[in-house]
Amino acid sequence: MIGDKIIIKPVYYETSRKIIDELRLKEYIQKQAKAVICIGGESGSGKSVTAVCLQEELQKQNINTIILHQDDYFFYPPAENHQLREKDINHIGPQEVNISSLQNHIDLFKRNEKSAVGPLMDYATNTVSNQLLEFEHHNVLIVEGTYSMLLQGANFKIFIDRDYHKTLKNRIERNREKHSEFIETVLEIEHQIIKQHIQFADYIIDHHYQLTKHHINVK
């Protein structure tokens, strides 16, 4: 999403290096050629910054990486989506996102398609346009988003286990939305949905940003 504010701290790079080592990504790429990594968790938990830092660390090892941001795949631009939430609280959830389109782009990447056309959301102008997704010559696809654990075909799923109470400071720093009672209601609803998705994860990043293997998943 254009206009998204990413605040990088050294710990994010440290965790990214741990992910590369723990998942043995370099060895995996040598054997499988391509890998899909999904990073999920609540708003402000660090999904975007983890994806960006992981991409940078992989690039240092000459592993070309592309990121898909779930926020680009919302059916409506931010302001319109917010209005729909205010009109109907049941609008909140995975149904706000074009999951099938995101899934299709994962499938195309895995099928070695050269490119695809994807959405690009602009937060500041509240508009959505198209962008070219160049899959060719990329070994790793990172998909980050609140509902990314629901996607199929990922080789590795990482869940950041930090709820919206712990991410208040991060959300204020990003200045994505004004803090209000309604926003807190939205985050509580999302929390009740997203906390269930930890069961699909292969790895967990806790609130201290430590990476551990998740031994209880349903895949």
N, C-alpha and C. Protein backbone atom coordinates (compact mmCIF):
# COMPACT_ATOMS: atom_id res chain seq x y z
N MET A 1 0.85 -1.19 0.00
CA MET A 1 0.00 0.00 0.00
C MET A 1 0.88 1.24 0.00
N ILE A 2 0.59 2.16 -0.92
CA ILE A 2 1.31 3.43 -0.96
C ILE A 2 0.94 4.25 0.27
N GLY A 3 1.97 4.83 0.91
CA GLY A 3 1.72 5.67 2.08
C GLY A 3 1.81 4.94 3.40
N ASP A 4 2.06 3.62 3.37
CA ASP A 4 2.20 2.88 4.61
C ASP A 4 3.54 3.22 5.24
N LYS A 5 3.54 3.54 6.51
CA LYS A 5 4.75 3.95 7.23
C LYS A 5 5.40 2.74 7.87
N ILE A 6 6.65 2.48 7.49
CA ILE A 6 7.40 1.35 8.02
C ILE A 6 8.50 1.87 8.94
N ILE A 7 8.47 1.45 10.20
CA ILE A 7 9.49 1.86 11.17
C ILE A 7 10.34 0.64 11.49
N ILE A 8 11.60 0.67 11.05
CA ILE A 8 12.48 -0.49 11.18
C ILE A 8 13.38 -0.35 12.40
N LYS A 9 13.44 -1.42 13.20
CA LYS A 9 14.32 -1.48 14.36
C LYS A 9 15.28 -2.66 14.17
N PRO A 10 16.46 -2.60 14.78
CA PRO A 10 17.45 -3.67 14.60
C PRO A 10 16.92 -5.07 14.90
N VAL A 11 16.01 -5.18 15.87
CA VAL A 11 15.49 -6.49 16.24
C VAL A 11 14.77 -7.17 15.07
N TYR A 12 14.18 -6.38 14.17
CA TYR A 12 13.48 -6.96 13.03
C TYR A 12 14.47 -7.66 12.08
N TYR A 13 15.65 -7.07 11.91
CA TYR A 13 16.67 -7.71 11.09
C TYR A 13 17.19 -8.98 11.77
N GLU A 14 17.36 -8.90 13.09
CA GLU A 14 17.82 -10.07 13.83
C GLU A 14 16.84 -11.24 13.67
N THR A 15 15.55 -10.93 13.80
CA THR A 15 14.53 -11.97 13.65
C THR A 15 14.50 -12.50 12.23
N SER A 16 14.68 -11.63 11.25
CA SER A 16 14.69 -12.06 9.85
C SER A 16 15.83 -13.03 9.57
N ARG A 17 16.98 -12.75 10.15
CA ARG A 17 18.11 -13.67 9.98
C ARG A 17 17.84 -15.02 10.65
N LYS A 18 17.14 -14.96 11.79
CA LYS A 18 16.76 -16.21 12.46
C LYS A 18 15.78 -17.01 11.61
N ILE A 19 14.86 -16.31 10.95
CA ILE A 19 13.90 -16.98 10.07
C ILE A 19 14.63 -17.71 8.94
N ILE A 20 15.58 -17.01 8.33
CA ILE A 20 16.34 -17.60 7.22
C ILE A 20 17.08 -18.85 7.68
N ASP A 21 17.70 -18.75 8.86
CA ASP A 21 18.46 -19.90 9.39
C ASP A 21 17.53 -21.04 9.81
N GLU A 22 16.47 -20.71 10.55
CA GLU A 22 15.57 -21.73 11.08
C GLU A 22 14.85 -22.48 9.96
N LEU A 23 14.40 -21.75 8.93
CA LEU A 23 13.69 -22.36 7.81
C LEU A 23 14.63 -22.97 6.79
N ARG A 24 15.94 -22.73 6.99
CA ARG A 24 16.96 -23.20 6.04
C ARG A 24 16.58 -22.79 4.63
N LEU A 25 16.27 -21.52 4.49
CA LEU A 25 15.73 -21.02 3.23
C LEU A 25 16.70 -21.16 2.06
N LYS A 26 17.96 -20.91 2.32
CA LYS A 26 18.93 -21.01 1.23
C LYS A 26 18.98 -22.43 0.68
N GLU A 27 19.02 -23.41 1.60
CA GLU A 27 19.03 -24.81 1.17
C GLU A 27 17.71 -25.19 0.50
N TYR A 28 16.60 -24.67 1.04
CA TYR A 28 15.29 -24.97 0.47
C TYR A 28 15.19 -24.47 -0.97
N ILE A 29 15.66 -23.25 -1.21
CA ILE A 29 15.60 -22.67 -2.55
C ILE A 29 16.46 -23.46 -3.53
N GLN A 30 17.62 -23.92 -3.06
CA GLN A 30 18.50 -24.70 -3.93
C GLN A 30 17.83 -25.99 -4.39
N LYS A 31 16.97 -26.56 -3.52
CA LYS A 31 16.28 -27.81 -3.86
C LYS A 31 14.97 -27.58 -4.60
N GLN A 32 14.21 -26.58 -4.16
CA GLN A 32 12.85 -26.39 -4.66
C GLN A 32 12.69 -25.23 -5.65
N ALA A 33 13.67 -24.38 -5.75
CA ALA A 33 13.69 -23.22 -6.66
C ALA A 33 12.81 -22.07 -6.18
N LYS A 34 11.62 -22.35 -5.67
CA LYS A 34 10.71 -21.29 -5.22
C LYS A 34 10.12 -21.63 -3.85
N ALA A 35 9.82 -20.57 -3.09
CA ALA A 35 9.19 -20.75 -1.78
C ALA A 35 8.21 -19.62 -1.53
N VAL A 36 7.10 -19.95 -0.87
CA VAL A 36 6.10 -18.96 -0.47
C VAL A 36 6.07 -18.90 1.05
N ILE A 37 6.23 -17.70 1.60
CA ILE A 37 6.19 -17.49 3.04
C ILE A 37 5.04 -16.55 3.37
N CYS A 38 4.14 -16.97 4.24
CA CYS A 38 3.04 -16.12 4.69
C CYS A 38 3.34 -15.62 6.10
N ILE A 39 3.14 -14.33 6.32
CA ILE A 39 3.34 -13.72 7.63
C ILE A 39 2.02 -13.10 8.06
N GLY A 40 1.46 -13.60 9.17
CA GLY A 40 0.16 -13.14 9.64
C GLY A 40 0.22 -12.59 11.06
N GLY A 41 -0.89 -12.01 11.49
CA GLY A 41 -0.97 -11.43 12.82
C GLY A 41 -1.88 -10.22 12.81
N GLU A 42 -2.07 -9.64 13.98
CA GLU A 42 -3.00 -8.51 14.11
C GLU A 42 -2.40 -7.21 13.58
N SER A 43 -3.25 -6.21 13.48
CA SER A 43 -2.82 -4.90 13.01
C SER A 43 -1.74 -4.33 13.92
N GLY A 44 -0.64 -3.87 13.31
CA GLY A 44 0.44 -3.27 14.07
C GLY A 44 1.39 -4.24 14.71
N SER A 45 1.22 -5.54 14.44
CA SER A 45 2.05 -6.55 15.10
C SER A 45 3.46 -6.63 14.51
N GLY A 46 3.66 -6.07 13.32
CA GLY A 46 4.98 -6.08 12.71
C GLY A 46 5.09 -6.92 11.46
N LYS A 47 3.97 -7.20 10.83
CA LYS A 47 3.97 -8.05 9.63
C LYS A 47 4.71 -7.39 8.47
N SER A 48 4.36 -6.13 8.18
CA SER A 48 4.97 -5.44 7.04
C SER A 48 6.46 -5.26 7.22
N VAL A 49 6.86 -4.80 8.41
CA VAL A 49 8.28 -4.55 8.64
C VAL A 49 9.07 -5.84 8.64
N THR A 50 8.49 -6.91 9.13
CA THR A 50 9.16 -8.21 9.10
C THR A 50 9.36 -8.67 7.66
N ALA A 51 8.32 -8.48 6.84
CA ALA A 51 8.42 -8.86 5.43
C ALA A 51 9.51 -8.06 4.72
N VAL A 52 9.57 -6.76 4.97
CA VAL A 52 10.57 -5.90 4.32
C VAL A 52 11.98 -6.28 4.76
N CYS A 53 12.17 -6.49 6.07
CA CYS A 53 13.50 -6.84 6.57
C CYS A 53 13.92 -8.23 6.09
N LEU A 54 12.97 -9.15 6.04
CA LEU A 54 13.27 -10.48 5.54
C LEU A 54 13.67 -10.42 4.07
N GLN A 55 12.97 -9.61 3.30
CA GLN A 55 13.32 -9.42 1.90
C GLN A 55 14.75 -8.89 1.76
N GLU A 56 15.11 -7.89 2.55
CA GLU A 56 16.44 -7.30 2.48
C GLU A 56 17.52 -8.32 2.85
N GLU A 57 17.26 -9.11 3.89
CA GLU A 57 18.24 -10.11 4.30
C GLU A 57 18.40 -11.21 3.26
N LEU A 58 17.31 -11.58 2.61
CA LEU A 58 17.39 -12.58 1.54
C LEU A 58 18.14 -12.04 0.33
N GLN A 59 17.90 -10.76 0.02
CA GLN A 59 18.59 -10.15 -1.12
C GLN A 59 20.10 -10.15 -0.90
N LYS A 60 20.53 -9.99 0.36
CA LYS A 60 21.96 -10.02 0.67
C LYS A 60 22.57 -11.37 0.33
N GLN A 61 21.73 -12.42 0.34
CA GLN A 61 22.19 -13.76 0.00
C GLN A 61 21.86 -14.13 -1.44
N ASN A 62 21.57 -13.08 -2.24
CA ASN A 62 21.26 -13.25 -3.66
C ASN A 62 20.03 -14.12 -3.90
N ILE A 63 19.07 -14.02 -2.98
CA ILE A 63 17.79 -14.70 -3.14
C ILE A 63 16.74 -13.64 -3.44
N ASN A 64 16.35 -13.56 -4.70
CA ASN A 64 15.42 -12.51 -5.13
C ASN A 64 14.03 -12.76 -4.55
N THR A 65 13.47 -11.71 -3.98
CA THR A 65 12.24 -11.84 -3.21
C THR A 65 11.24 -10.75 -3.57
N ILE A 66 9.97 -11.13 -3.67
CA ILE A 66 8.89 -10.19 -3.94
C ILE A 66 7.87 -10.28 -2.80
N ILE A 67 7.27 -9.14 -2.45
CA ILE A 67 6.29 -9.09 -1.36
C ILE A 67 4.91 -8.74 -1.91
N LEU A 68 3.90 -9.45 -1.44
CA LEU A 68 2.51 -9.07 -1.68
C LEU A 68 1.91 -8.64 -0.35
N HIS A 69 1.32 -7.44 -0.33
CA HIS A 69 0.70 -6.90 0.88
C HIS A 69 -0.81 -7.08 0.81
N GLN A 70 -1.36 -7.75 1.81
CA GLN A 70 -2.80 -7.98 1.81
C GLN A 70 -3.60 -6.69 1.75
N ASP A 71 -3.07 -5.61 2.33
CA ASP A 71 -3.79 -4.33 2.34
C ASP A 71 -4.11 -3.84 0.94
N ASP A 72 -3.33 -4.26 -0.05
CA ASP A 72 -3.62 -3.88 -1.44
C ASP A 72 -4.84 -4.61 -1.99
N TYR A 73 -5.24 -5.69 -1.33
CA TYR A 73 -6.29 -6.56 -1.86
C TYR A 73 -7.66 -6.33 -1.23
N PHE A 74 -7.81 -5.29 -0.42
CA PHE A 74 -9.14 -4.96 0.08
C PHE A 74 -10.05 -4.59 -1.09
N PHE A 75 -11.31 -4.97 -0.99
CA PHE A 75 -12.25 -4.67 -2.07
C PHE A 75 -12.47 -3.16 -2.23
N TYR A 76 -12.41 -2.44 -1.12
CA TYR A 76 -12.66 -0.99 -1.16
C TYR A 76 -11.47 -0.24 -0.59
N PRO A 77 -11.21 0.98 -1.08
CA PRO A 77 -10.15 1.81 -0.51
C PRO A 77 -10.42 2.10 0.96
N PRO A 78 -9.40 2.52 1.72
CA PRO A 78 -9.52 2.64 3.18
C PRO A 78 -10.70 3.46 3.68
N ALA A 79 -10.92 4.64 3.14
CA ALA A 79 -12.00 5.50 3.63
C ALA A 79 -13.37 4.87 3.40
N GLU A 80 -13.56 4.30 2.20
CA GLU A 80 -14.83 3.66 1.88
C GLU A 80 -15.04 2.42 2.74
N ASN A 81 -13.97 1.67 2.95
CA ASN A 81 -14.09 0.47 3.77
C ASN A 81 -14.44 0.83 5.21
N HIS A 82 -13.87 1.91 5.70
CA HIS A 82 -14.18 2.38 7.05
C HIS A 82 -15.66 2.75 7.18
N GLN A 83 -16.18 3.42 6.17
CA GLN A 83 -17.60 3.81 6.17
C GLN A 83 -18.50 2.59 6.17
N LEU A 84 -18.11 1.56 5.42
CA LEU A 84 -18.90 0.33 5.39
C LEU A 84 -18.87 -0.36 6.76
N ARG A 85 -17.75 -0.29 7.44
CA ARG A 85 -17.67 -0.85 8.78
C ARG A 85 -18.60 -0.11 9.74
N GLU A 86 -18.65 1.21 9.60
CA GLU A 86 -19.51 2.00 10.48
C GLU A 86 -20.99 1.71 10.24
N LYS A 87 -21.33 1.44 8.99
CA LYS A 87 -22.72 1.13 8.65
C LYS A 87 -23.11 -0.26 9.12
N ASP A 88 -22.17 -1.20 9.03
CA ASP A 88 -22.46 -2.59 9.40
C ASP A 88 -21.23 -3.21 10.01
N ILE A 89 -21.24 -3.41 11.31
CA ILE A 89 -20.09 -3.95 12.02
C ILE A 89 -19.74 -5.36 11.54
N ASN A 90 -20.70 -6.06 10.94
CA ASN A 90 -20.45 -7.40 10.42
C ASN A 90 -19.64 -7.39 9.13
N HIS A 91 -19.38 -6.19 8.62
CA HIS A 91 -18.53 -6.07 7.43
C HIS A 91 -17.09 -6.44 7.75
N ILE A 92 -16.71 -6.34 9.02
CA ILE A 92 -15.32 -6.57 9.44
C ILE A 92 -14.98 -8.06 9.37
N GLY A 93 -13.85 -8.36 8.74
CA GLY A 93 -13.41 -9.75 8.68
C GLY A 93 -12.75 -10.08 7.34
N PRO A 94 -12.43 -11.35 7.12
CA PRO A 94 -11.78 -11.77 5.87
C PRO A 94 -12.58 -11.41 4.62
N GLN A 95 -13.90 -11.25 4.77
CA GLN A 95 -14.75 -10.93 3.62
C GLN A 95 -14.46 -9.54 3.05
N GLU A 96 -13.71 -8.72 3.78
CA GLU A 96 -13.33 -7.40 3.28
C GLU A 96 -12.23 -7.48 2.23
N VAL A 97 -11.57 -8.63 2.18
CA VAL A 97 -10.38 -8.80 1.35
C VAL A 97 -10.66 -9.75 0.19
N ASN A 98 -10.10 -9.43 -0.96
CA ASN A 98 -10.23 -10.30 -2.13
C ASN A 98 -9.22 -11.44 -1.99
N ILE A 99 -9.54 -12.35 -1.11
CA ILE A 99 -8.65 -13.48 -0.82
C ILE A 99 -8.41 -14.33 -2.06
N SER A 100 -9.43 -14.49 -2.88
CA SER A 100 -9.28 -15.34 -4.07
C SER A 100 -8.27 -14.76 -5.05
N SER A 101 -8.23 -13.43 -5.17
CA SER A 101 -7.25 -12.79 -6.05
C SER A 101 -5.84 -12.97 -5.51
N LEU A 102 -5.69 -12.80 -4.21
CA LEU A 102 -4.38 -13.00 -3.57
C LEU A 102 -3.94 -14.45 -3.71
N GLN A 103 -4.88 -15.37 -3.52
CA GLN A 103 -4.57 -16.79 -3.69
C GLN A 103 -4.15 -17.10 -5.12
N ASN A 104 -4.82 -16.48 -6.07
CA ASN A 104 -4.49 -16.69 -7.48
C ASN A 104 -3.06 -16.26 -7.78
N HIS A 105 -2.63 -15.16 -7.19
CA HIS A 105 -1.27 -14.68 -7.45
C HIS A 105 -0.23 -15.60 -6.81
N ILE A 106 -0.56 -16.19 -5.68
CA ILE A 106 0.32 -17.20 -5.11
C ILE A 106 0.44 -18.39 -6.06
N ASP A 107 -0.68 -18.83 -6.57
CA ASP A 107 -0.69 -19.98 -7.48
C ASP A 107 0.10 -19.70 -8.75
N LEU A 108 -0.03 -18.49 -9.28
CA LEU A 108 0.71 -18.11 -10.49
C LEU A 108 2.21 -18.11 -10.24
N PHE A 109 2.60 -17.60 -9.08
CA PHE A 109 4.02 -17.59 -8.72
C PHE A 109 4.56 -19.02 -8.66
N LYS A 110 3.80 -19.92 -8.03
CA LYS A 110 4.25 -21.29 -7.88
C LYS A 110 4.28 -22.04 -9.20
N ARG A 111 3.45 -21.57 -10.15
CA ARG A 111 3.43 -22.19 -11.47
C ARG A 111 4.47 -21.59 -12.41
N ASN A 112 5.33 -20.74 -11.87
CA ASN A 112 6.41 -20.13 -12.64
C ASN A 112 5.93 -19.18 -13.73
N GLU A 113 4.77 -18.58 -13.52
CA GLU A 113 4.32 -17.55 -14.46
C GLU A 113 5.25 -16.35 -14.37
N LYS A 114 5.43 -15.67 -15.49
CA LYS A 114 6.39 -14.56 -15.52
C LYS A 114 5.90 -13.36 -14.74
N SER A 115 4.61 -13.06 -14.84
CA SER A 115 4.09 -11.85 -14.18
C SER A 115 2.57 -11.92 -14.06
N ALA A 116 2.04 -10.96 -13.34
CA ALA A 116 0.59 -10.82 -13.21
C ALA A 116 0.30 -9.36 -12.89
N VAL A 117 -0.96 -8.99 -13.05
CA VAL A 117 -1.38 -7.63 -12.71
C VAL A 117 -2.12 -7.69 -11.37
N GLY A 118 -1.64 -6.90 -10.41
CA GLY A 118 -2.24 -6.89 -9.09
C GLY A 118 -2.69 -5.50 -8.68
N PRO A 119 -3.45 -5.40 -7.60
CA PRO A 119 -3.94 -4.11 -7.13
C PRO A 119 -2.87 -3.36 -6.34
N LEU A 120 -3.01 -2.03 -6.29
CA LEU A 120 -2.11 -1.19 -5.51
C LEU A 120 -2.95 -0.11 -4.84
N MET A 121 -3.07 -0.18 -3.53
CA MET A 121 -3.88 0.76 -2.77
C MET A 121 -3.06 1.97 -2.37
N ASP A 122 -3.65 3.15 -2.50
CA ASP A 122 -3.00 4.39 -2.08
C ASP A 122 -3.78 4.94 -0.89
N TYR A 123 -3.16 4.87 0.28
CA TYR A 123 -3.84 5.28 1.51
C TYR A 123 -4.16 6.78 1.51
N ALA A 124 -3.20 7.59 1.07
CA ALA A 124 -3.35 9.05 1.13
C ALA A 124 -4.46 9.56 0.22
N THR A 125 -4.55 9.00 -0.99
CA THR A 125 -5.54 9.47 -1.96
C THR A 125 -6.82 8.63 -1.95
N ASN A 126 -6.80 7.54 -1.15
CA ASN A 126 -7.97 6.67 -1.05
C ASN A 126 -8.39 6.12 -2.42
N THR A 127 -7.39 5.67 -3.17
CA THR A 127 -7.64 5.13 -4.51
C THR A 127 -6.92 3.79 -4.66
N VAL A 128 -7.38 3.03 -5.64
CA VAL A 128 -6.73 1.77 -5.97
C VAL A 128 -6.42 1.77 -7.46
N SER A 129 -5.21 1.34 -7.80
CA SER A 129 -4.78 1.25 -9.19
C SER A 129 -4.19 -0.14 -9.42
N ASN A 130 -3.53 -0.33 -10.55
CA ASN A 130 -2.91 -1.62 -10.86
C ASN A 130 -1.40 -1.51 -10.82
N GLN A 131 -0.77 -2.62 -10.51
CA GLN A 131 0.69 -2.70 -10.56
C GLN A 131 1.09 -4.02 -11.19
N LEU A 132 2.26 -4.02 -11.83
CA LEU A 132 2.77 -5.24 -12.43
C LEU A 132 3.54 -6.03 -11.38
N LEU A 133 3.15 -7.27 -11.19
CA LEU A 133 3.84 -8.16 -10.27
C LEU A 133 4.78 -9.04 -11.08
N GLU A 134 6.06 -8.79 -10.97
CA GLU A 134 7.05 -9.52 -11.76
C GLU A 134 7.55 -10.72 -10.96
N PHE A 135 7.05 -11.89 -11.32
CA PHE A 135 7.41 -13.12 -10.61
C PHE A 135 8.70 -13.75 -11.15
N GLU A 136 8.96 -13.51 -12.41
CA GLU A 136 10.12 -14.13 -13.04
C GLU A 136 11.40 -13.68 -12.35
N HIS A 137 12.31 -14.61 -12.17
CA HIS A 137 13.62 -14.36 -11.55
C HIS A 137 13.52 -14.12 -10.03
N HIS A 138 12.35 -14.36 -9.45
CA HIS A 138 12.20 -14.26 -8.01
C HIS A 138 12.06 -15.66 -7.42
N ASN A 139 12.82 -15.92 -6.38
CA ASN A 139 12.82 -17.23 -5.76
C ASN A 139 11.85 -17.35 -4.59
N VAL A 140 11.60 -16.22 -3.92
CA VAL A 140 10.74 -16.24 -2.74
C VAL A 140 9.62 -15.22 -2.88
N LEU A 141 8.42 -15.66 -2.53
CA LEU A 141 7.26 -14.77 -2.44
C LEU A 141 6.85 -14.67 -0.98
N ILE A 142 6.84 -13.44 -0.45
CA ILE A 142 6.37 -13.20 0.91
C ILE A 142 5.00 -12.56 0.83
N VAL A 143 4.04 -13.13 1.52
CA VAL A 143 2.68 -12.58 1.59
C VAL A 143 2.42 -12.19 3.03
N GLU A 144 2.18 -10.89 3.26
CA GLU A 144 1.93 -10.45 4.63
C GLU A 144 0.55 -9.83 4.74
N GLY A 145 -0.13 -10.16 5.85
CA GLY A 145 -1.46 -9.61 6.06
C GLY A 145 -2.16 -10.28 7.22
N THR A 146 -3.17 -9.62 7.72
CA THR A 146 -3.89 -10.13 8.89
C THR A 146 -4.49 -11.51 8.65
N TYR A 147 -4.93 -11.78 7.43
CA TYR A 147 -5.62 -13.06 7.16
C TYR A 147 -4.79 -14.00 6.29
N SER A 148 -3.48 -13.78 6.24
CA SER A 148 -2.64 -14.58 5.35
C SER A 148 -2.53 -16.04 5.77
N MET A 149 -2.85 -16.35 7.04
CA MET A 149 -2.80 -17.75 7.47
C MET A 149 -3.88 -18.59 6.80
N LEU A 150 -4.88 -17.91 6.20
CA LEU A 150 -5.98 -18.62 5.54
C LEU A 150 -5.62 -19.05 4.12
N LEU A 151 -4.51 -18.55 3.61
CA LEU A 151 -4.12 -18.83 2.24
C LEU A 151 -3.53 -20.24 2.12
N GLN A 152 -3.69 -20.81 0.93
CA GLN A 152 -3.21 -22.16 0.66
C GLN A 152 -1.92 -22.11 -0.16
N GLY A 153 -1.13 -23.17 -0.03
CA GLY A 153 0.04 -23.31 -0.89
C GLY A 153 1.31 -22.69 -0.35
N ALA A 154 1.26 -22.14 0.87
CA ALA A 154 2.47 -21.58 1.45
C ALA A 154 3.38 -22.70 1.93
N ASN A 155 4.67 -22.52 1.73
CA ASN A 155 5.63 -23.50 2.22
C ASN A 155 5.94 -23.29 3.70
N PHE A 156 5.82 -22.02 4.12
CA PHE A 156 6.05 -21.69 5.52
C PHE A 156 5.05 -20.61 5.94
N LYS A 157 4.46 -20.80 7.12
CA LYS A 157 3.54 -19.80 7.67
C LYS A 157 4.07 -19.33 9.03
N ILE A 158 4.19 -18.01 9.16
CA ILE A 158 4.72 -17.41 10.39
C ILE A 158 3.66 -16.49 10.98
N PHE A 159 3.34 -16.69 12.25
CA PHE A 159 2.32 -15.89 12.93
C PHE A 159 2.98 -15.04 14.00
N ILE A 160 2.73 -13.71 13.96
CA ILE A 160 3.28 -12.81 14.97
C ILE A 160 2.25 -12.69 16.08
N ASP A 161 2.58 -13.24 17.23
CA ASP A 161 1.62 -13.36 18.34
C ASP A 161 1.68 -12.13 19.25
N ARG A 162 1.21 -11.01 18.72
CA ARG A 162 1.13 -9.76 19.50
C ARG A 162 -0.26 -9.18 19.25
N ASP A 163 -1.09 -9.08 20.31
CA ASP A 163 -2.45 -8.59 20.10
C ASP A 163 -2.49 -7.07 20.09
N TYR A 164 -3.66 -6.52 19.81
CA TYR A 164 -3.78 -5.08 19.58
C TYR A 164 -3.52 -4.25 20.83
N HIS A 165 -3.61 -4.86 22.00
CA HIS A 165 -3.27 -4.14 23.23
C HIS A 165 -1.76 -3.88 23.28
N LYS A 166 -0.98 -4.85 22.83
CA LYS A 166 0.48 -4.72 22.85
C LYS A 166 1.00 -3.87 21.70
N THR A 167 0.18 -3.65 20.67
CA THR A 167 0.66 -2.94 19.47
C THR A 167 0.19 -1.50 19.40
N LEU A 168 -0.38 -0.98 20.48
CA LEU A 168 -0.92 0.39 20.46
C LEU A 168 0.14 1.40 20.06
N LYS A 169 1.34 1.30 20.65
CA LYS A 169 2.41 2.24 20.34
C LYS A 169 2.79 2.17 18.87
N ASN A 170 2.89 0.95 18.33
CA ASN A 170 3.24 0.77 16.91
C ASN A 170 2.19 1.40 16.01
N ARG A 171 0.92 1.21 16.36
CA ARG A 171 -0.16 1.74 15.53
C ARG A 171 -0.19 3.27 15.55
N ILE A 172 0.11 3.85 16.71
CA ILE A 172 0.16 5.31 16.80
C ILE A 172 1.32 5.86 15.98
N GLU A 173 2.47 5.17 16.02
CA GLU A 173 3.64 5.61 15.25
C GLU A 173 3.37 5.54 13.76
N ARG A 174 2.62 4.54 13.32
CA ARG A 174 2.30 4.41 11.90
C ARG A 174 1.30 5.45 11.44
N ASN A 175 0.47 5.95 12.38
CA ASN A 175 -0.51 6.99 12.09
C ASN A 175 -1.43 6.61 10.95
N ARG A 176 -1.83 5.34 10.93
CA ARG A 176 -2.72 4.86 9.87
C ARG A 176 -4.16 5.31 10.08
N GLU A 177 -4.60 5.38 11.34
CA GLU A 177 -5.95 5.82 11.62
C GLU A 177 -5.98 6.51 12.97
N LYS A 178 -6.95 7.39 13.16
CA LYS A 178 -7.08 8.08 14.42
C LYS A 178 -7.56 7.10 15.49
N HIS A 179 -6.95 7.23 16.67
CA HIS A 179 -7.35 6.37 17.78
C HIS A 179 -8.74 6.78 18.25
N SER A 180 -9.66 5.83 18.30
CA SER A 180 -11.04 6.12 18.71
C SER A 180 -11.67 4.88 19.30
N GLU A 181 -12.82 5.07 19.94
CA GLU A 181 -13.54 3.94 20.51
C GLU A 181 -13.96 2.96 19.42
N PHE A 182 -14.35 3.49 18.26
CA PHE A 182 -14.78 2.61 17.17
C PHE A 182 -13.61 1.78 16.65
N ILE A 183 -12.44 2.41 16.50
CA ILE A 183 -11.26 1.68 16.03
C ILE A 183 -10.92 0.56 17.00
N GLU A 184 -11.04 0.82 18.29
CA GLU A 184 -10.75 -0.22 19.27
C GLU A 184 -11.77 -1.36 19.16
N THR A 185 -13.01 -1.03 18.82
CA THR A 185 -14.03 -2.06 18.61
C THR A 185 -13.67 -2.92 17.41
N VAL A 186 -13.22 -2.26 16.33
CA VAL A 186 -12.79 -2.98 15.13
C VAL A 186 -11.65 -3.93 15.47
N LEU A 187 -10.67 -3.43 16.21
CA LEU A 187 -9.51 -4.24 16.55
C LEU A 187 -9.86 -5.41 17.45
N GLU A 188 -10.84 -5.22 18.34
CA GLU A 188 -11.28 -6.33 19.19
C GLU A 188 -11.97 -7.41 18.36
N ILE A 189 -12.78 -7.00 17.39
CA ILE A 189 -13.43 -7.98 16.51
C ILE A 189 -12.38 -8.74 15.70
N GLU A 190 -11.41 -7.99 15.14
CA GLU A 190 -10.34 -8.63 14.38
C GLU A 190 -9.54 -9.58 15.28
N HIS A 191 -9.30 -9.15 16.51
CA HIS A 191 -8.56 -9.98 17.46
C HIS A 191 -9.23 -11.34 17.66
N GLN A 192 -10.56 -11.33 17.85
CA GLN A 192 -11.30 -12.57 18.06
C GLN A 192 -11.22 -13.50 16.85
N ILE A 193 -11.11 -12.91 15.67
CA ILE A 193 -10.99 -13.71 14.43
C ILE A 193 -9.56 -14.21 14.25
N ILE A 194 -8.61 -13.27 14.32
CA ILE A 194 -7.22 -13.57 13.96
C ILE A 194 -6.53 -14.48 14.97
N LYS A 195 -6.88 -14.38 16.25
CA LYS A 195 -6.21 -15.22 17.26
C LYS A 195 -6.42 -16.71 16.98
N GLN A 196 -7.49 -17.04 16.28
CA GLN A 196 -7.76 -18.44 15.93
C GLN A 196 -6.78 -18.96 14.87
N HIS A 197 -6.16 -18.04 14.13
CA HIS A 197 -5.33 -18.44 12.99
C HIS A 197 -3.95 -18.94 13.39
N ILE A 198 -3.59 -18.77 14.66
CA ILE A 198 -2.29 -19.24 15.11
C ILE A 198 -2.15 -20.75 14.92
N GLN A 199 -3.29 -21.45 14.90
CA GLN A 199 -3.26 -22.91 14.73
C GLN A 199 -2.71 -23.34 13.38
N PHE A 200 -2.75 -22.43 12.39
CA PHE A 200 -2.28 -22.77 11.05
C PHE A 200 -0.78 -22.49 10.86
N ALA A 201 -0.15 -21.89 11.86
CA ALA A 201 1.23 -21.44 11.72
C ALA A 201 2.24 -22.56 11.90
N ASP A 202 3.34 -22.43 11.17
CA ASP A 202 4.49 -23.33 11.35
C ASP A 202 5.46 -22.75 12.38
N TYR A 203 5.51 -21.42 12.43
CA TYR A 203 6.41 -20.74 13.36
C TYR A 203 5.67 -19.57 14.01
N ILE A 204 6.09 -19.26 15.24
CA ILE A 204 5.50 -18.17 16.00
C ILE A 204 6.59 -17.15 16.33
N ILE A 205 6.26 -15.87 16.17
CA ILE A 205 7.10 -14.79 16.68
C ILE A 205 6.35 -14.18 17.87
N ASP A 206 6.95 -14.23 19.08
CA ASP A 206 6.24 -13.75 20.26
C ASP A 206 6.42 -12.24 20.45
N HIS A 207 5.87 -11.71 21.55
CA HIS A 207 5.90 -10.26 21.74
C HIS A 207 7.30 -9.74 22.04
N HIS A 208 8.25 -10.64 22.33
CA HIS A 208 9.65 -10.26 22.48
C HIS A 208 10.41 -10.41 21.15
N TYR A 209 9.69 -10.76 20.12
CA TYR A 209 10.21 -10.98 18.77
C TYR A 209 11.16 -12.17 18.70
N GLN A 210 10.87 -13.19 19.51
CA GLN A 210 11.62 -14.44 19.46
C GLN A 210 10.87 -15.43 18.57
N LEU A 211 11.61 -16.13 17.74
CA LEU A 211 11.04 -17.10 16.80
C LEU A 211 11.09 -18.50 17.38
N THR A 212 9.95 -19.19 17.36
CA THR A 212 9.90 -20.58 17.80
C THR A 212 9.07 -21.41 16.83
N LYS A 213 9.39 -22.69 16.75
CA LYS A 213 8.62 -23.58 15.89
C LYS A 213 7.30 -23.90 16.58
N HIS A 214 6.23 -23.90 15.80
CA HIS A 214 4.90 -24.20 16.35
C HIS A 214 4.61 -25.67 16.11
N HIS A 215 4.42 -26.40 17.17
CA HIS A 215 4.24 -27.85 17.04
C HIS A 215 2.77 -28.26 16.98
N ILE A 216 1.88 -27.30 17.13
CA ILE A 216 0.44 -27.62 17.07
C ILE A 216 -0.18 -26.84 15.92
N ASN A 217 -0.27 -27.46 14.77
CA ASN A 217 -0.99 -26.82 13.66
C ASN A 217 -1.88 -27.87 13.00
N VAL A 218 -2.78 -27.41 12.13
CA VAL A 218 -3.78 -28.31 11.58
C VAL A 218 -3.57 -28.58 10.10
N LYS A 219 -2.39 -28.28 9.58
CA LYS A 219 -2.16 -28.49 8.16
C LYS A 219 -2.01 -29.97 7.84
